[in-house]
Protein backbone atom coordinates (compact mmCIF):
# COMPACT_ATOMS: atom_id res chain seq x y z
CA MET A 1 23.78 8.03 15.00
CA LYS A 2 20.77 10.11 15.78
CA ASN A 3 19.16 9.80 19.20
CA ASN A 4 15.93 8.66 17.92
CA GLU A 5 17.70 5.89 16.01
CA ILE A 6 19.31 4.69 19.15
CA MET A 7 16.05 4.85 20.95
CA ASN A 8 14.41 2.81 18.33
CA ARG A 9 17.13 0.21 18.33
CA SER A 10 17.11 -0.04 22.00
CA ASP A 11 13.44 -0.59 22.12
CA ILE A 12 13.73 -3.38 19.63
CA ILE A 13 16.50 -5.12 21.61
CA ARG A 14 14.43 -4.78 24.86
CA ARG A 15 11.27 -6.19 23.36
CA TYR A 16 13.19 -9.33 22.34
CA ALA A 17 14.99 -9.49 25.59
CA ILE A 18 11.59 -9.43 27.43
CA GLU A 19 10.18 -12.17 25.16
CA ASN A 20 13.32 -14.32 25.55
CA ALA A 21 13.23 -13.99 29.38
CA LEU A 22 9.56 -15.02 29.61
CA ASN A 23 10.14 -17.97 27.26
CA TYR A 24 13.27 -19.36 28.89
CA GLY A 25 13.48 -17.85 32.52
CA LYS A 26 16.47 -15.72 31.57
CA ALA A 27 17.38 -13.76 28.49
CA GLN A 28 20.35 -14.88 26.59
CA PRO A 29 22.28 -12.31 24.61
CA LYS A 30 22.99 -14.38 21.69
CA ASN A 31 19.36 -15.43 21.23
CA VAL A 32 18.15 -11.73 21.56
CA LEU A 33 20.81 -10.65 19.11
CA GLY A 34 19.73 -13.15 16.44
CA LYS A 35 16.03 -11.89 16.83
CA VAL A 36 17.26 -8.30 16.46
CA LEU A 37 19.28 -9.10 13.38
CA THR A 38 16.35 -10.94 11.85
CA ASP A 39 14.20 -7.99 12.62
CA ASP A 40 16.48 -5.33 11.09
CA LYS A 41 18.86 -6.82 8.55
CA CYS A 42 20.72 -3.42 8.25
CA LEU A 43 22.08 -3.94 11.74
CA ARG A 44 24.00 -7.08 10.59
CA ARG A 45 26.95 -4.77 9.66
CA LYS A 46 27.00 -3.28 13.23
CA VAL A 47 27.12 -6.40 15.42
CA ARG A 48 30.20 -5.14 17.28
CA GLU A 49 28.56 -1.87 17.89
CA ILE A 50 25.27 -3.14 19.15
CA MET A 51 26.56 -6.22 21.21
CA PRO A 52 27.46 -4.12 24.32
CA GLU A 53 23.95 -2.63 24.06
CA VAL A 54 22.48 -6.11 23.91
CA ASN A 55 24.50 -7.27 26.99
CA ARG A 56 23.44 -4.19 29.00
CA ILE A 57 19.76 -4.50 28.21
CA VAL A 58 19.75 -8.17 28.83
CA ARG A 59 21.27 -7.58 32.32
CA GLU A 60 18.54 -5.08 33.00
CA VAL A 61 15.74 -7.33 31.86
CA ASN A 62 17.14 -10.27 33.80
CA ARG A 63 16.72 -8.31 37.06
CA LEU A 64 12.94 -7.80 36.47
CA SER A 65 10.32 -9.90 38.30
CA ARG A 66 8.11 -12.24 36.34
CA LYS A 67 5.27 -9.91 36.98
CA ALA A 68 7.13 -7.02 35.65
CA LEU A 69 8.16 -8.91 32.58
CA GLU A 70 4.70 -9.85 31.81
CA GLU A 71 3.33 -6.40 32.26
CA GLU A 72 5.87 -4.84 30.00
CA PHE A 73 5.42 -7.84 27.41
CA ALA A 74 1.70 -7.02 27.29
CA THR A 75 2.40 -3.52 26.02
CA TYR A 76 4.54 -4.70 23.07
CA GLY A 77 1.68 -6.65 21.37
CA PHE A 78 3.82 -9.77 20.58
CA GLN A 79 1.87 -12.58 18.93
CA LYS A 80 2.36 -16.33 19.36
CA LYS A 81 3.64 -17.77 16.29
CA ARG A 82 1.33 -20.19 14.48
CA GLU A 83 1.55 -22.22 11.41
CA LYS A 84 -0.20 -20.34 8.57
CA LYS A 85 -1.71 -21.99 5.57
CA ARG A 86 -1.79 -20.22 2.36
CA GLY A 87 -4.42 -17.46 2.51
CA ILE A 88 -5.72 -18.77 5.82
CA LEU A 89 -5.78 -16.09 8.50
CA THR A 90 -4.34 -16.81 12.00
CA ASP A 91 -6.95 -16.32 14.84
CA LEU A 92 -7.17 -12.99 16.58
CA PRO A 93 -6.21 -13.12 20.35
CA ASN A 94 -8.82 -12.91 23.01
CA VAL A 95 -11.94 -12.93 20.85
CA LYS A 96 -15.11 -13.10 23.05
CA GLY A 97 -17.87 -12.66 20.53
CA PRO A 98 -18.40 -10.14 17.62
CA VAL A 99 -15.40 -7.82 17.07
CA VAL A 100 -15.30 -4.16 16.47
CA MET A 101 -12.38 -3.01 14.21
CA ARG A 102 -11.44 0.01 12.20
CA PHE A 103 -9.63 1.24 9.22
CA ALA A 104 -8.42 4.74 9.85
CA PRO A 105 -6.71 6.42 6.95
CA ASN A 106 -5.52 10.04 6.66
CA PRO A 107 -7.45 11.90 3.85
CA SER A 108 -4.21 13.20 2.25
CA GLY A 109 -5.03 11.30 -1.08
CA PRO A 110 -6.57 8.04 -2.28
CA LEU A 111 -5.59 4.77 -0.91
CA HIS A 112 -2.55 2.89 -2.13
CA ILE A 113 -1.51 -0.82 -2.20
CA GLY A 114 0.01 -0.48 1.33
CA HIS A 115 -3.42 0.57 2.69
CA ALA A 116 -5.05 -2.51 1.13
CA ARG A 117 -3.39 -4.79 3.65
CA THR A 118 -5.03 -3.29 6.59
CA ALA A 119 -8.31 -2.65 5.10
CA ILE A 120 -8.58 -6.08 3.73
CA LEU A 121 -7.40 -7.86 6.86
CA ASN A 122 -9.75 -5.84 9.06
CA ASP A 123 -12.61 -6.79 6.67
CA GLU A 124 -11.71 -10.43 6.71
CA TYR A 125 -11.66 -10.67 10.52
CA VAL A 126 -14.98 -8.88 10.86
CA LYS A 127 -16.42 -11.47 8.34
CA LYS A 128 -14.81 -14.24 10.21
CA TYR A 129 -16.06 -13.34 13.75
CA GLY A 130 -19.07 -11.12 12.97
CA GLY A 131 -19.26 -7.42 14.27
CA LYS A 132 -18.47 -4.15 12.84
CA LEU A 133 -15.99 -2.47 10.72
CA ILE A 134 -15.52 1.42 11.14
CA LEU A 135 -14.11 3.68 8.57
CA ARG A 136 -12.55 6.39 10.64
CA ILE A 137 -11.19 9.50 8.59
CA GLU A 138 -8.43 10.94 10.74
CA ASP A 139 -8.36 14.49 9.43
CA THR A 140 -7.26 16.54 12.34
CA ASP A 141 -4.18 17.81 10.60
CA PRO A 142 -5.65 20.40 8.02
CA LYS A 143 -2.28 20.72 6.30
CA ARG A 144 -2.60 17.17 5.21
CA VAL A 145 -6.24 17.00 4.04
CA GLU A 146 -7.09 16.74 0.38
CA LYS A 147 -10.73 17.52 0.00
CA ASP A 148 -11.40 14.97 -2.78
CA ALA A 149 -9.82 12.19 -0.63
CA TYR A 150 -12.87 11.58 1.50
CA ARG A 151 -14.80 10.59 -1.68
CA MET A 152 -11.81 8.73 -3.27
CA ILE A 153 -11.13 6.68 -0.05
CA GLU A 154 -14.87 5.33 0.00
CA GLU A 155 -14.74 4.54 -3.73
CA ASP A 156 -11.42 2.72 -3.33
CA LEU A 157 -12.74 0.59 -0.42
CA LYS A 158 -15.92 -0.19 -2.33
CA TRP A 159 -13.77 -1.36 -5.39
CA LEU A 160 -11.74 -3.55 -2.96
CA GLY A 161 -14.93 -5.18 -1.67
CA VAL A 162 -14.40 -3.91 1.79
CA ASN A 163 -17.72 -3.75 3.72
CA ILE A 164 -17.89 -0.62 5.86
CA ASP A 165 -20.57 -0.53 8.65
CA GLU A 166 -19.99 3.01 9.88
CA VAL A 167 -18.11 6.10 8.65
CA MET A 168 -16.60 8.40 11.38
CA THR A 169 -14.89 11.69 10.61
CA GLN A 170 -12.66 13.13 13.36
CA SER A 171 -13.11 16.76 12.24
CA SER A 172 -16.80 16.60 13.11
CA ARG A 173 -15.80 15.33 16.70
CA LEU A 174 -13.65 18.25 17.85
CA ALA A 175 -16.00 19.23 20.72
CA ILE A 176 -15.70 15.62 22.01
CA TYR A 177 -11.86 15.87 22.19
CA ARG A 178 -12.05 19.24 23.91
CA ASP A 179 -14.34 17.89 26.63
CA PHE A 180 -12.10 15.04 27.45
CA ALA A 181 -9.15 17.45 27.43
CA VAL A 182 -10.76 19.45 30.14
CA ARG A 183 -11.30 16.44 32.13
CA LEU A 184 -7.67 15.61 32.14
CA ILE A 185 -6.77 19.06 33.12
CA LYS A 186 -9.21 18.91 35.96
CA GLN A 187 -7.76 15.52 37.02
CA GLY A 188 -4.46 17.04 37.07
CA ASN A 189 -3.22 14.67 34.41
CA ALA A 190 -2.67 17.34 31.76
CA TYR A 191 -1.27 20.89 31.64
CA VAL A 192 -1.02 23.70 29.10
CA CYS A 193 2.64 24.35 28.19
CA SER A 194 3.91 27.69 26.80
CA CYS A 195 7.67 26.80 26.62
CA GLY A 196 7.66 26.26 22.89
CA GLN A 197 8.59 23.06 21.04
CA GLU A 198 12.34 23.50 21.18
CA ARG A 199 12.55 24.48 24.78
CA PHE A 200 10.18 21.71 25.82
CA LYS A 201 12.14 19.14 23.87
CA GLU A 202 15.34 20.15 25.85
CA TYR A 203 13.60 19.58 29.09
CA LYS A 204 12.20 16.28 27.89
CA ASP A 205 15.45 14.91 26.54
CA ARG A 206 17.16 15.59 29.93
CA GLY A 207 14.22 14.02 31.82
CA LYS A 208 13.42 17.21 33.55
CA ALA A 209 9.92 18.62 33.99
CA CYS A 210 9.20 21.99 32.27
CA PRO A 211 8.16 24.88 34.54
CA CYS A 212 4.53 24.62 33.20
CA ARG A 213 4.11 21.16 34.62
CA ILE A 214 3.42 22.59 38.10
CA ASN A 215 0.72 25.08 36.86
CA SER A 216 -2.24 25.41 39.20
CA LEU A 217 -5.51 24.21 38.00
CA GLU A 218 -6.73 27.76 37.65
CA LYS A 219 -3.58 28.68 35.63
CA ASN A 220 -4.21 25.75 33.24
CA ILE A 221 -7.91 26.63 32.75
CA GLU A 222 -6.83 30.27 31.99
CA LEU A 223 -4.24 29.15 29.35
CA TRP A 224 -6.81 26.63 27.99
CA ASN A 225 -9.15 29.45 27.44
CA ASP A 226 -6.42 31.41 25.59
CA MET A 227 -6.12 28.19 23.37
CA LEU A 228 -9.91 28.43 22.71
CA ASP A 229 -9.32 31.95 21.59
CA GLY A 230 -6.75 30.77 19.13
CA LYS A 231 -3.59 31.80 20.90
CA MET A 232 -0.68 30.24 19.16
CA GLY A 233 2.41 28.84 21.04
CA LEU A 234 0.32 26.88 23.56
CA VAL A 235 -0.05 23.18 23.66
CA LEU A 236 -1.76 20.78 26.08
CA ASN A 237 0.64 18.14 27.42
CA LEU A 238 -0.20 14.75 28.89
CA LYS A 239 1.61 14.12 32.16
CA THR A 240 3.32 10.73 32.04
CA ASP A 241 6.70 9.89 33.74
CA MET A 242 9.52 12.31 33.03
CA ALA A 243 11.99 9.76 34.33
CA HIS A 244 11.00 7.09 31.89
CA ARG A 245 13.97 5.41 30.14
CA ASN A 246 12.42 6.09 26.74
CA PRO A 247 12.25 9.86 26.04
CA ALA A 248 9.38 9.30 23.55
CA MET A 249 7.27 8.09 26.60
CA ARG A 250 7.78 11.26 28.67
CA ASP A 251 5.25 14.05 28.68
CA PHE A 252 3.89 14.58 25.17
CA PRO A 253 1.33 17.04 23.52
CA ILE A 254 -2.26 15.97 22.99
CA MET A 255 -3.99 19.22 21.81
CA ARG A 256 -2.72 22.20 19.86
CA VAL A 257 -3.96 25.37 18.05
CA GLU A 258 -3.64 25.16 14.38
CA HIS A 259 -4.19 28.21 12.14
CA GLU A 260 -4.93 26.46 8.87
CA HIS A 261 -7.98 26.38 6.69
CA HIS A 262 -9.76 22.95 6.95
CA PRO A 263 -11.66 22.09 3.71
CA LEU A 264 -14.33 20.13 5.49
CA THR A 265 -15.21 22.34 8.48
CA GLY A 266 -14.49 25.56 6.58
CA ARG A 267 -12.82 26.96 9.66
CA ASP A 268 -9.49 28.95 9.29
CA TRP A 269 -8.29 27.75 12.79
CA ASP A 270 -9.28 25.41 15.58
CA ILE A 271 -7.93 23.41 18.43
CA TYR A 272 -7.06 19.90 17.17
CA PRO A 273 -6.09 16.73 19.01
CA LEU A 274 -2.77 15.01 18.19
CA MET A 275 -3.18 11.47 16.98
CA ASN A 276 -2.59 9.48 20.22
CA PHE A 277 -5.25 11.52 21.99
CA SER A 278 -8.04 11.35 19.30
CA ILE A 279 -7.31 7.64 18.55
CA ALA A 280 -7.53 6.57 22.24
CA ILE A 281 -10.80 8.46 22.77
CA ASP A 282 -12.44 7.21 19.41
CA ASP A 283 -11.31 3.59 19.98
CA HIS A 284 -12.91 3.62 23.31
CA LEU A 285 -16.11 5.33 22.52
CA SER A 286 -16.56 3.06 19.34
CA GLY A 287 -16.14 -0.04 21.58
CA MET A 288 -13.11 -1.20 19.61
CA THR A 289 -12.05 -4.73 20.54
CA HIS A 290 -8.94 -5.26 18.21
CA VAL A 291 -6.67 -2.92 16.57
CA LEU A 292 -4.39 -3.89 13.75
CA ARG A 293 -1.44 -1.66 13.19
CA GLY A 294 2.24 -1.59 12.24
CA LYS A 295 5.00 -2.32 14.70
CA ASP A 296 6.18 1.16 14.05
CA HIS A 297 3.27 2.17 16.24
CA ILE A 298 4.40 0.24 19.30
CA VAL A 299 5.51 3.51 21.14
CA ASN A 300 2.11 5.11 20.19
CA THR A 301 0.33 2.18 21.71
CA GLN A 302 2.29 2.64 25.05
CA ARG A 303 1.38 6.30 24.95
CA GLN A 304 -2.29 5.62 24.30
CA LEU A 305 -2.27 3.30 27.46
CA PHE A 306 -1.60 6.28 29.71
CA ILE A 307 -4.90 7.72 28.46
CA TYR A 308 -6.72 4.58 29.05
CA ASP A 309 -5.35 4.29 32.40
CA TYR A 310 -6.23 7.91 33.36
CA PHE A 311 -9.93 7.50 32.31
CA GLY A 312 -10.15 4.02 33.85
CA TRP A 313 -10.91 2.32 30.30
CA LYS A 314 -10.16 -1.21 29.18
CA PRO A 315 -7.84 -1.03 26.03
CA PRO A 316 -8.51 -3.18 23.04
CA GLU A 317 -6.24 -5.91 21.79
CA PHE A 318 -3.38 -4.37 19.97
CA ILE A 319 -1.82 -6.53 17.13
CA HIS A 320 1.36 -5.03 15.81
CA ASN A 321 2.33 -6.17 12.41
CA GLY A 322 5.67 -6.31 10.75
CA LEU A 323 6.10 -3.66 8.08
CA LEU A 324 5.19 -4.24 4.49
CA ASN A 325 8.05 -3.05 2.37
CA ILE A 326 6.71 -2.09 -1.07
CA GLY A 327 9.33 -1.14 -3.79
CA GLY A 328 9.07 0.12 -7.35
CA VAL A 329 6.34 2.63 -6.89
CA ASN A 330 5.60 5.86 -5.38
CA LEU A 331 3.35 5.79 -2.40
CA SER A 332 3.91 9.22 -0.86
CA THR A 333 0.79 11.26 -1.27
CA SER A 334 2.50 14.57 -0.86
CA THR A 335 5.07 13.69 -3.39
CA ILE A 336 2.35 12.37 -5.83
CA LYS A 337 0.23 15.50 -5.23
CA LYS A 338 3.29 17.84 -6.07
CA GLY A 339 4.01 15.67 -9.18
CA ILE A 340 0.31 16.08 -10.23
CA GLU A 341 0.55 19.91 -9.84
CA GLU A 342 3.77 20.17 -11.72
CA GLY A 343 2.49 17.84 -14.62
CA GLU A 344 4.81 14.94 -13.86
CA TYR A 345 1.79 12.62 -13.22
CA CYS A 346 -1.54 12.81 -15.11
CA GLY A 347 -3.50 12.25 -11.85
CA TRP A 348 -3.87 9.86 -8.94
CA SER A 349 -4.55 7.06 -11.31
CA ASP A 350 -1.19 7.52 -13.23
CA VAL A 351 -0.07 3.87 -13.89
CA ARG A 352 3.32 4.70 -12.57
CA LEU A 353 2.00 4.96 -9.13
CA GLY A 354 1.05 2.48 -6.36
CA THR A 355 -2.49 3.88 -5.82
CA LEU A 356 -5.42 1.55 -5.96
CA ARG A 357 -6.80 3.69 -8.72
CA ALA A 358 -3.56 3.08 -10.81
CA LEU A 359 -3.77 -0.62 -10.25
CA ARG A 360 -7.42 -0.58 -11.27
CA ARG A 361 -6.66 1.37 -14.38
CA ARG A 362 -4.07 -1.31 -15.41
CA GLY A 363 -6.52 -4.11 -15.04
CA ILE A 364 -5.45 -5.59 -11.62
CA GLN A 365 -8.44 -7.19 -10.05
CA PRO A 366 -9.43 -6.53 -6.42
CA GLU A 367 -9.75 -10.22 -5.78
CA ALA A 368 -6.10 -10.74 -6.61
CA ILE A 369 -5.17 -8.01 -4.10
CA ARG A 370 -7.32 -9.68 -1.42
CA THR A 371 -5.76 -12.99 -2.03
CA VAL A 372 -2.24 -11.66 -1.64
CA MET A 373 -3.03 -9.77 1.45
CA LYS A 374 -4.59 -12.68 3.11
CA MET A 375 -1.42 -14.65 2.20
CA ILE A 376 0.69 -11.98 3.99
CA GLY A 377 -1.67 -12.02 6.90
CA ILE A 378 -0.67 -10.65 10.30
CA GLY A 379 2.66 -11.41 11.99
CA ASP A 380 5.49 -9.39 13.64
CA ALA A 381 8.15 -10.09 10.81
CA ASP A 382 8.59 -7.44 8.20
CA VAL A 383 7.34 -8.55 4.69
CA ARG A 384 8.60 -7.54 1.28
CA PHE A 385 5.80 -7.20 -0.98
CA ASP A 386 6.17 -9.36 -4.08
CA TRP A 387 4.69 -7.86 -7.18
CA SER A 388 5.13 -11.07 -9.19
CA MET A 389 2.88 -12.78 -6.61
CA LEU A 390 0.18 -10.14 -7.23
CA TYR A 391 0.49 -10.54 -10.99
CA ALA A 392 0.40 -14.33 -10.66
CA GLU A 393 -2.89 -14.16 -8.66
CA ASN A 394 -4.24 -11.59 -11.16
CA ARG A 395 -3.41 -13.86 -14.14
CA LYS A 396 -5.41 -16.71 -12.57
CA ILE A 397 -8.42 -14.44 -12.57
CA ILE A 398 -8.32 -12.84 -15.84
CA ASP A 399 -6.72 -15.48 -18.05
CA GLU A 400 -9.97 -17.27 -18.61
CA LYS A 401 -11.96 -14.16 -19.59
CA ALA A 402 -9.13 -12.34 -21.60
CA ASN A 403 -9.70 -12.70 -25.24
CA ARG A 404 -6.55 -12.77 -27.35
CA TYR A 405 -5.48 -10.34 -30.12
CA PHE A 406 -2.31 -9.34 -31.99
CA PHE A 407 -0.40 -6.23 -31.26
CA VAL A 408 2.87 -5.14 -32.98
CA PRO A 409 4.95 -2.52 -30.93
CA ASN A 410 7.22 -0.22 -33.01
CA PRO A 411 6.23 -1.88 -36.25
CA GLU A 412 8.47 -2.66 -39.26
CA GLU A 413 6.99 -3.59 -42.63
CA VAL A 414 7.78 -6.86 -44.38
CA TRP A 415 6.65 -7.58 -47.94
CA VAL A 416 5.77 -11.25 -48.47
CA LYS A 417 5.38 -12.97 -51.79
CA GLY A 418 3.56 -16.09 -52.83
CA ILE A 419 0.86 -16.20 -50.11
CA PRO A 420 -1.99 -18.45 -51.60
CA ARG A 421 -5.07 -16.52 -52.39
CA GLU A 422 -7.24 -18.95 -50.29
CA ALA A 423 -5.30 -17.52 -47.24
CA ASP A 424 -6.83 -14.05 -47.79
CA ILE A 425 -8.79 -14.35 -44.43
CA ILE A 426 -7.07 -15.88 -41.54
CA ARG A 427 -9.43 -17.16 -38.81
CA ILE A 428 -8.15 -17.39 -35.35
CA PRO A 429 -9.97 -18.22 -31.91
CA LEU A 430 -10.68 -15.45 -29.60
CA HIS A 431 -9.28 -17.77 -26.83
CA PRO A 432 -7.37 -20.87 -27.56
CA ASP A 433 -8.97 -22.76 -24.72
CA HIS A 434 -12.52 -21.75 -25.54
CA PRO A 435 -13.29 -21.97 -29.23
CA LYS A 436 -17.07 -21.72 -28.51
CA ARG A 437 -16.38 -18.18 -27.64
CA GLY A 438 -15.84 -17.41 -31.22
CA TYR A 439 -13.12 -16.23 -33.65
CA ARG A 440 -11.66 -13.05 -35.06
CA ASP A 441 -10.75 -12.73 -38.85
CA ILE A 442 -7.64 -11.14 -40.07
CA ALA A 443 -7.98 -10.03 -43.75
CA LEU A 444 -4.87 -9.81 -46.06
CA LYS A 445 -4.41 -7.26 -48.83
CA ARG A 446 -2.26 -8.01 -51.82
CA ILE A 447 -0.72 -6.17 -54.77
CA ASP A 448 -0.24 -8.62 -57.54
CA ASP A 449 1.62 -11.43 -55.63
CA THR A 450 2.80 -9.29 -52.63
CA THR A 451 1.29 -8.86 -49.23
CA LYS A 452 2.34 -6.21 -46.74
CA ILE A 453 2.53 -7.13 -43.07
CA PHE A 454 4.09 -5.60 -40.00
CA ILE A 455 6.32 -7.20 -37.32
CA PRO A 456 7.90 -5.77 -34.22
CA LYS A 457 11.11 -3.82 -34.76
CA LYS A 458 13.00 -5.89 -32.23
CA ASP A 459 12.33 -9.02 -34.21
CA ALA A 460 13.03 -7.33 -37.51
CA GLU A 461 16.46 -6.34 -36.38
CA THR A 462 17.48 -9.92 -35.72
CA LEU A 463 16.55 -11.13 -39.33
CA LYS A 464 19.21 -11.86 -42.01
CA LYS A 465 18.93 -13.09 -45.62
CA GLY A 466 17.92 -16.61 -45.46
CA SER A 467 16.22 -16.35 -41.93
CA VAL A 468 13.20 -18.51 -41.62
CA LEU A 469 10.35 -17.43 -39.24
CA ARG A 470 6.76 -18.22 -38.55
CA LEU A 471 3.97 -15.68 -38.48
CA LYS A 472 1.91 -16.70 -35.49
CA ASN A 473 -1.20 -18.73 -36.24
CA PHE A 474 -0.53 -18.44 -39.99
CA CYS A 475 2.50 -19.56 -41.99
CA ASN A 476 6.33 -19.69 -42.35
CA ILE A 477 8.21 -17.20 -44.58
CA LYS A 478 11.86 -17.06 -45.53
CA ILE A 479 13.63 -13.63 -45.75
CA GLU A 480 15.11 -12.87 -49.10
CA GLU A 481 16.11 -9.19 -48.56
CA VAL A 482 16.66 -7.15 -45.46
CA ARG A 483 16.61 -3.69 -46.87
CA PRO A 484 13.69 -3.42 -47.23
CA LEU A 485 12.55 -6.62 -45.52
CA MET A 486 11.11 -9.03 -48.16
CA GLY A 487 10.24 -12.64 -47.66
CA ARG A 488 8.57 -15.51 -49.45
CA TYR A 489 5.82 -17.80 -48.23
CA ILE A 490 6.91 -21.35 -47.37
CA GLU A 491 4.30 -24.10 -47.63
CA GLU A 492 5.92 -26.28 -44.99
CA LYS A 493 4.61 -25.80 -41.35
CA ASP A 494 7.89 -25.63 -39.43
CA LEU A 495 7.08 -24.80 -35.65
CA SER A 496 10.81 -25.11 -34.66
CA VAL A 497 11.54 -21.75 -36.05
CA PRO A 498 11.05 -18.37 -34.27
CA ILE A 499 7.39 -17.49 -33.87
CA ILE A 500 6.75 -13.78 -34.46
CA GLN A 501 3.67 -11.51 -33.85
CA TRP A 502 2.33 -9.68 -36.85
CA VAL A 503 -0.52 -7.66 -38.15
CA PRO A 504 -1.76 -7.09 -41.82
CA GLU A 505 -1.62 -3.87 -43.75
CA ASP A 506 -5.20 -2.98 -42.61
CA ASN A 507 -4.81 -2.49 -38.88
CA LEU A 508 -5.80 -0.17 -36.04
CA GLY A 509 -3.30 2.28 -34.29
CA CYS A 510 -2.69 1.20 -30.67
CA GLU A 511 -0.90 2.73 -27.69
CA VAL A 512 -0.10 0.72 -24.51
CA ILE A 513 0.79 2.79 -21.47
CA GLY A 514 2.61 0.87 -18.67
CA PRO A 515 4.32 1.74 -15.41
CA GLU A 516 7.79 1.67 -16.99
CA LYS A 517 7.13 2.82 -20.66
CA ARG A 518 4.61 3.61 -23.20
CA VAL A 519 4.61 1.80 -26.64
CA ALA A 520 2.94 2.58 -29.86
CA GLY A 521 2.09 0.25 -32.66
CA PHE A 522 -0.65 -1.58 -34.60
CA CYS A 523 -3.22 -4.06 -33.53
CA GLU A 524 -5.68 -6.12 -35.48
CA MET A 525 -8.94 -4.64 -36.85
CA ASP A 526 -11.13 -6.73 -34.65
CA CYS A 527 -9.97 -4.59 -31.70
CA ARG A 528 -12.52 -2.08 -32.91
CA ASN A 529 -15.17 -4.19 -31.31
CA LEU A 530 -13.62 -3.90 -27.91
CA GLU A 531 -15.14 -1.72 -25.14
CA HIS A 532 -13.93 0.33 -22.27
CA ASP A 533 -12.69 -1.76 -19.38
CA ASP A 534 -12.40 -5.04 -21.37
CA ILE A 535 -9.47 -7.09 -20.26
CA ILE A 536 -7.54 -8.73 -23.13
CA GLN A 537 -4.26 -10.33 -23.80
CA PHE A 538 -1.98 -8.98 -26.64
CA GLU A 539 -0.44 -12.44 -27.63
CA ARG A 540 3.38 -12.64 -26.73
CA PHE A 541 3.06 -9.15 -25.21
CA GLY A 542 0.95 -9.20 -22.13
CA PHE A 543 -2.46 -8.58 -20.43
CA CYS A 544 -3.97 -5.05 -20.92
CA ARG A 545 -7.05 -3.18 -19.97
CA VAL A 546 -8.76 -1.24 -22.69
CA SER A 547 -9.39 2.31 -21.91
CA ARG A 548 -10.58 3.87 -25.17
CA VAL A 549 -11.52 2.81 -28.70
CA ASP A 550 -12.42 5.41 -31.42
CA GLU A 551 -11.75 6.42 -34.91
CA ASN A 552 -8.02 7.42 -33.87
CA GLY A 553 -7.25 3.92 -32.49
CA ILE A 554 -7.20 2.11 -29.22
CA LEU A 555 -5.62 3.07 -25.91
CA CYS A 556 -4.72 0.40 -23.41
CA TYR A 557 -3.00 0.22 -20.06
CA PHE A 558 -0.49 -2.51 -19.44
CA ALA A 559 -1.09 -4.99 -16.52
CA HIS A 560 1.56 -7.62 -16.75
CA THR A 561 2.83 -10.52 -18.84
């Protein structure tokens, strides 16, 4: 197992051991193990391997004083469990008036469904307590900046209904970070390192200080000026504790020189802060009161507390959420960008993706996303995102307004004899629950006594001579021949037979594009009256959003059944 995996596992065990010791006086190995296995189900196959580690860490924790336990517990951001009603948010800890919170994406692309959780929960808490929500664009790694993302992120938030009070862009604040970096150097809490990444890591892993750590103030200022001149191979490190049990908490870089064109500043190189440094400074200067973040940032929180301590600042309340596991879609902006460039995806709104733009294109409503994210809420347990829950909430919103139409995918023709002439026009409600909304008319054409219709291929393949079926909202027919399919009108209205979707000979070409496949077929002529962005239901097929209607037909995107 890799060293960082062991470190992460040990950290998880220690957090639960600290919590258990505070709750019951002494940590119990079996209780701690149970919490660990609940937190990471993959470890259930490794109980024998990790049990000695649990026992060792529990012994260490049980030797700590109550004060030491409480101090370490505070750095982990545990929350007291509360009963959570459906869609009702739990209270934030230590609220003493209006809150200041932030949503801080990297502009590597537009927002995806995972971003929606943090954005919406921040928005909901600011609405609950009053205060301010800041959109902070964290663009200090020019290699990960997509120029159009600045605009797309704001558009996505507006569509979600997230109210932003202030927009802050980190690349416009580089002088601020440099100023605080010099302060740390002069305090003796930071030093410029020229060892190189690999050599420094060797020192760090061994818990040994690198030679640069004892640089004089004059030497550090000299090397800092070299960084200001763009010299590569130099980084500014923060001094922490080289004997810390967790290697990740030992000295770490906070500023580095990057020779890469930045699309917003226009500069080809600059000194950029690393995440933990810029975040701590911006959170303090913004008056941040509460920070929502994933529990994968617990180590980053501990790192940032060093910076707060060196400047004598009071840190905000950190709430570490369990991770939101989202399956079935691509969320990696780098992978998506490559796929767009290579023609695999048609853009950021390709409906196979998990971007908010893709969901919007399919007809998913922002209110449905908000409801689901409120139901997930905050908490330290990992959560698996349930797409069916999102679709169920979306269905509640769109079912009332979605008019109904017929669509036949992969159509097969059927010749039907004996349909009465008085049935040349079939009148069907646009919505079965709202007849006052109006009707659509389906007109039949006949040659002598025969009428041609179309049914789905999957239904046609099940028919045999003598099969009886019902054309939805119309009549029953009995199959007399299968090659070609020919049937005869039956006067009796038998609803116990299979009900099949159909369209007449006069129809409109239709293509439906979904996350898993695209389907071509025919829909009824009244679909000509639909407009861009209309949400409809193709009966016995699913809900769709209309993208285009023209002389060539209609293009729709599939939402869900």
